[in-house]
Amino acid sequence: MKEAINDWKIVSLLCLTLGLAPFIPEPHIWGKIQWVWGGATGMKFIDWFDVLLHGFPWVLLFRLLILKVKTLRTTK
């Protein structure tokens, strides 16, 4: 499992599929982020779970980016 969450290809695929699905009319996570920015009025538990589900691949991607930057800085 550790190899999967540290693999750029798998994390990128997760972001492009689960992280953005459904794609039409806009990515689902984008609508949820706008809802949260708007004050999250009327959000229920299922909506927060949806944010977590569609946002988790992006968290993994940002984590990999941070780890990559850290390793680049320590090798200089």
N, C-alpha and C. Protein backbone atom coordinates (compact mmCIF):
# COMPACT_ATOMS: atom_id res chain seq x y z
N MET A 1 0.82 -1.20 0.00
CA MET A 1 0.00 0.00 0.00
C MET A 1 0.86 1.25 0.00
N LYS A 2 1.98 1.21 0.74
CA LYS A 2 2.85 2.37 0.81
C LYS A 2 3.41 2.72 -0.57
N GLU A 3 3.68 1.72 -1.37
CA GLU A 3 4.19 1.96 -2.71
C GLU A 3 3.14 2.65 -3.58
N ALA A 4 1.87 2.31 -3.37
CA ALA A 4 0.79 2.88 -4.19
C ALA A 4 0.61 4.36 -3.91
N ILE A 5 0.66 4.77 -2.64
CA ILE A 5 0.43 6.19 -2.35
C ILE A 5 1.67 7.03 -2.62
N ASN A 6 2.79 6.40 -2.91
CA ASN A 6 4.01 7.12 -3.27
C ASN A 6 4.32 7.02 -4.76
N ASP A 7 3.43 6.43 -5.52
CA ASP A 7 3.62 6.27 -6.96
C ASP A 7 2.92 7.42 -7.70
N TRP A 8 3.71 8.20 -8.43
CA TRP A 8 3.17 9.36 -9.15
C TRP A 8 2.08 8.96 -10.14
N LYS A 9 2.27 7.84 -10.82
CA LYS A 9 1.30 7.42 -11.84
C LYS A 9 -0.05 7.08 -11.22
N ILE A 10 -0.04 6.35 -10.13
CA ILE A 10 -1.29 5.96 -9.48
C ILE A 10 -1.99 7.18 -8.89
N VAL A 11 -1.24 8.05 -8.23
CA VAL A 11 -1.84 9.23 -7.62
C VAL A 11 -2.40 10.15 -8.71
N SER A 12 -1.68 10.31 -9.81
CA SER A 12 -2.18 11.14 -10.92
C SER A 12 -3.46 10.56 -11.50
N LEU A 13 -3.49 9.25 -11.66
CA LEU A 13 -4.69 8.59 -12.17
C LEU A 13 -5.88 8.79 -11.22
N LEU A 14 -5.62 8.68 -9.92
CA LEU A 14 -6.68 8.92 -8.93
C LEU A 14 -7.20 10.35 -9.01
N CYS A 15 -6.31 11.30 -9.18
CA CYS A 15 -6.73 12.71 -9.29
C CYS A 15 -7.58 12.94 -10.53
N LEU A 16 -7.17 12.34 -11.64
CA LEU A 16 -7.90 12.56 -12.88
C LEU A 16 -9.23 11.81 -12.94
N THR A 17 -9.36 10.74 -12.18
CA THR A 17 -10.61 9.99 -12.21
C THR A 17 -11.48 10.33 -11.00
N LEU A 18 -11.14 9.81 -9.85
CA LEU A 18 -11.94 10.03 -8.65
C LEU A 18 -11.91 11.48 -8.21
N GLY A 19 -10.78 12.13 -8.36
CA GLY A 19 -10.65 13.51 -7.93
C GLY A 19 -11.47 14.50 -8.72
N LEU A 20 -11.76 14.20 -9.97
CA LEU A 20 -12.52 15.12 -10.83
C LEU A 20 -13.92 14.61 -11.19
N ALA A 21 -14.20 13.35 -10.97
CA ALA A 21 -15.48 12.78 -11.40
C ALA A 21 -16.63 13.31 -10.56
N PRO A 22 -17.82 13.45 -11.06
CA PRO A 22 -18.19 13.47 -12.49
C PRO A 22 -17.71 14.76 -13.14
N PHE A 23 -17.41 14.69 -14.40
CA PHE A 23 -16.76 15.78 -15.11
C PHE A 23 -17.72 16.85 -15.62
N ILE A 24 -18.97 16.48 -15.85
CA ILE A 24 -19.93 17.39 -16.48
C ILE A 24 -21.03 17.71 -15.49
N PRO A 25 -21.45 18.89 -15.29
CA PRO A 25 -21.08 20.14 -15.97
C PRO A 25 -19.78 20.75 -15.45
N GLU A 26 -19.35 20.39 -14.26
CA GLU A 26 -18.05 20.81 -13.73
C GLU A 26 -17.55 19.70 -12.81
N PRO A 27 -16.25 19.65 -12.57
CA PRO A 27 -15.74 18.63 -11.64
C PRO A 27 -16.44 18.74 -10.28
N HIS A 28 -16.80 17.61 -9.74
CA HIS A 28 -17.58 17.55 -8.51
C HIS A 28 -16.87 18.22 -7.34
N ILE A 29 -15.57 18.01 -7.24
CA ILE A 29 -14.82 18.59 -6.13
C ILE A 29 -14.82 20.11 -6.22
N TRP A 30 -14.83 20.65 -7.44
CA TRP A 30 -14.85 22.10 -7.60
C TRP A 30 -16.16 22.68 -7.07
N GLY A 31 -17.27 22.02 -7.35
CA GLY A 31 -18.55 22.46 -6.82
C GLY A 31 -18.60 22.40 -5.30
N LYS A 32 -18.02 21.37 -4.73
CA LYS A 32 -18.00 21.23 -3.27
C LYS A 32 -17.10 22.30 -2.64
N ILE A 33 -15.97 22.59 -3.27
CA ILE A 33 -15.08 23.64 -2.75
C ILE A 33 -15.79 24.99 -2.78
N GLN A 34 -16.49 25.26 -3.86
CA GLN A 34 -17.24 26.52 -3.95
C GLN A 34 -18.31 26.59 -2.86
N TRP A 35 -18.93 25.48 -2.59
CA TRP A 35 -19.96 25.42 -1.55
C TRP A 35 -19.35 25.72 -0.17
N VAL A 36 -18.19 25.13 0.10
CA VAL A 36 -17.51 25.37 1.37
C VAL A 36 -17.07 26.83 1.46
N TRP A 37 -16.50 27.38 0.39
CA TRP A 37 -16.09 28.79 0.37
C TRP A 37 -17.27 29.72 0.57
N GLY A 38 -18.44 29.28 0.13
CA GLY A 38 -19.65 30.08 0.28
C GLY A 38 -20.26 29.99 1.66
N GLY A 39 -19.62 29.33 2.57
CA GLY A 39 -20.09 29.23 3.94
C GLY A 39 -20.62 27.87 4.32
N ALA A 40 -20.68 26.94 3.38
CA ALA A 40 -21.13 25.57 3.63
C ALA A 40 -22.55 25.51 4.18
N THR A 41 -23.36 26.47 3.79
CA THR A 41 -24.74 26.51 4.25
C THR A 41 -25.52 25.32 3.70
N GLY A 42 -26.11 24.56 4.60
CA GLY A 42 -26.93 23.43 4.19
C GLY A 42 -26.16 22.14 3.92
N MET A 43 -24.87 22.13 4.16
CA MET A 43 -24.10 20.91 3.93
C MET A 43 -24.41 19.89 5.01
N LYS A 44 -24.61 18.67 4.58
CA LYS A 44 -24.89 17.56 5.49
C LYS A 44 -23.65 16.67 5.58
N PHE A 45 -23.75 15.65 6.42
CA PHE A 45 -22.63 14.72 6.59
C PHE A 45 -22.21 14.11 5.26
N ILE A 46 -23.15 13.72 4.43
CA ILE A 46 -22.82 13.08 3.15
C ILE A 46 -22.06 14.03 2.24
N ASP A 47 -22.34 15.33 2.33
CA ASP A 47 -21.62 16.31 1.52
C ASP A 47 -20.18 16.45 1.99
N TRP A 48 -19.97 16.45 3.32
CA TRP A 48 -18.62 16.51 3.85
C TRP A 48 -17.84 15.25 3.50
N PHE A 49 -18.50 14.10 3.54
CA PHE A 49 -17.86 12.84 3.14
C PHE A 49 -17.48 12.90 1.66
N ASP A 50 -18.33 13.51 0.85
CA ASP A 50 -18.06 13.67 -0.57
C ASP A 50 -16.81 14.54 -0.80
N VAL A 51 -16.68 15.60 -0.02
CA VAL A 51 -15.49 16.45 -0.11
C VAL A 51 -14.25 15.63 0.23
N LEU A 52 -14.34 14.84 1.28
CA LEU A 52 -13.22 14.00 1.69
C LEU A 52 -12.87 12.97 0.61
N LEU A 53 -13.89 12.33 0.06
CA LEU A 53 -13.68 11.29 -0.94
C LEU A 53 -13.04 11.85 -2.21
N HIS A 54 -13.58 12.94 -2.73
CA HIS A 54 -13.06 13.50 -3.97
C HIS A 54 -11.80 14.34 -3.74
N GLY A 55 -11.56 14.78 -2.51
CA GLY A 55 -10.39 15.59 -2.22
C GLY A 55 -9.16 14.80 -1.83
N PHE A 56 -9.34 13.57 -1.36
CA PHE A 56 -8.21 12.78 -0.89
C PHE A 56 -7.13 12.54 -1.95
N PRO A 57 -7.47 12.25 -3.21
CA PRO A 57 -6.40 12.09 -4.20
C PRO A 57 -5.56 13.37 -4.36
N TRP A 58 -6.20 14.53 -4.23
CA TRP A 58 -5.47 15.79 -4.34
C TRP A 58 -4.55 15.99 -3.14
N VAL A 59 -4.98 15.55 -1.97
CA VAL A 59 -4.12 15.62 -0.79
C VAL A 59 -2.89 14.75 -1.00
N LEU A 60 -3.08 13.56 -1.57
CA LEU A 60 -1.94 12.68 -1.86
C LEU A 60 -0.99 13.33 -2.86
N LEU A 61 -1.53 14.00 -3.87
CA LEU A 61 -0.70 14.65 -4.88
C LEU A 61 0.11 15.79 -4.26
N PHE A 62 -0.52 16.63 -3.45
CA PHE A 62 0.20 17.72 -2.80
C PHE A 62 1.26 17.18 -1.84
N ARG A 63 0.96 16.07 -1.19
CA ARG A 63 1.94 15.43 -0.30
C ARG A 63 3.17 14.99 -1.08
N LEU A 64 2.94 14.37 -2.25
CA LEU A 64 4.06 13.94 -3.07
C LEU A 64 4.88 15.14 -3.57
N LEU A 65 4.21 16.22 -3.92
CA LEU A 65 4.91 17.42 -4.36
C LEU A 65 5.78 17.99 -3.24
N ILE A 66 5.24 18.04 -2.05
CA ILE A 66 6.01 18.56 -0.90
C ILE A 66 7.21 17.67 -0.61
N LEU A 67 7.01 16.36 -0.65
CA LEU A 67 8.12 15.44 -0.42
C LEU A 67 9.20 15.60 -1.50
N LYS A 68 8.79 15.80 -2.73
CA LYS A 68 9.73 15.98 -3.83
C LYS A 68 10.55 17.25 -3.65
N VAL A 69 9.88 18.34 -3.26
CA VAL A 69 10.59 19.61 -3.03
C VAL A 69 11.57 19.47 -1.87
N LYS A 70 11.16 18.78 -0.81
CA LYS A 70 12.05 18.57 0.33
C LYS A 70 13.30 17.79 -0.06
N THR A 71 13.11 16.75 -0.86
CA THR A 71 14.27 15.94 -1.27
C THR A 71 15.18 16.73 -2.21
N LEU A 72 14.61 17.59 -3.04
CA LEU A 72 15.43 18.42 -3.92
C LEU A 72 16.24 19.42 -3.12
N ARG A 73 15.66 19.97 -2.07
CA ARG A 73 16.37 20.95 -1.24
C ARG A 73 17.48 20.30 -0.42
N THR A 74 17.26 19.08 0.03
CA THR A 74 18.28 18.42 0.86
C THR A 74 19.44 17.88 0.03
N THR A 75 19.24 17.65 -1.27
CA THR A 75 20.30 17.13 -2.11
C THR A 75 21.22 18.23 -2.61
N LYS A 76 20.83 19.49 -2.46
CA LYS A 76 21.67 20.60 -2.95
C LYS A 76 22.75 20.94 -1.97
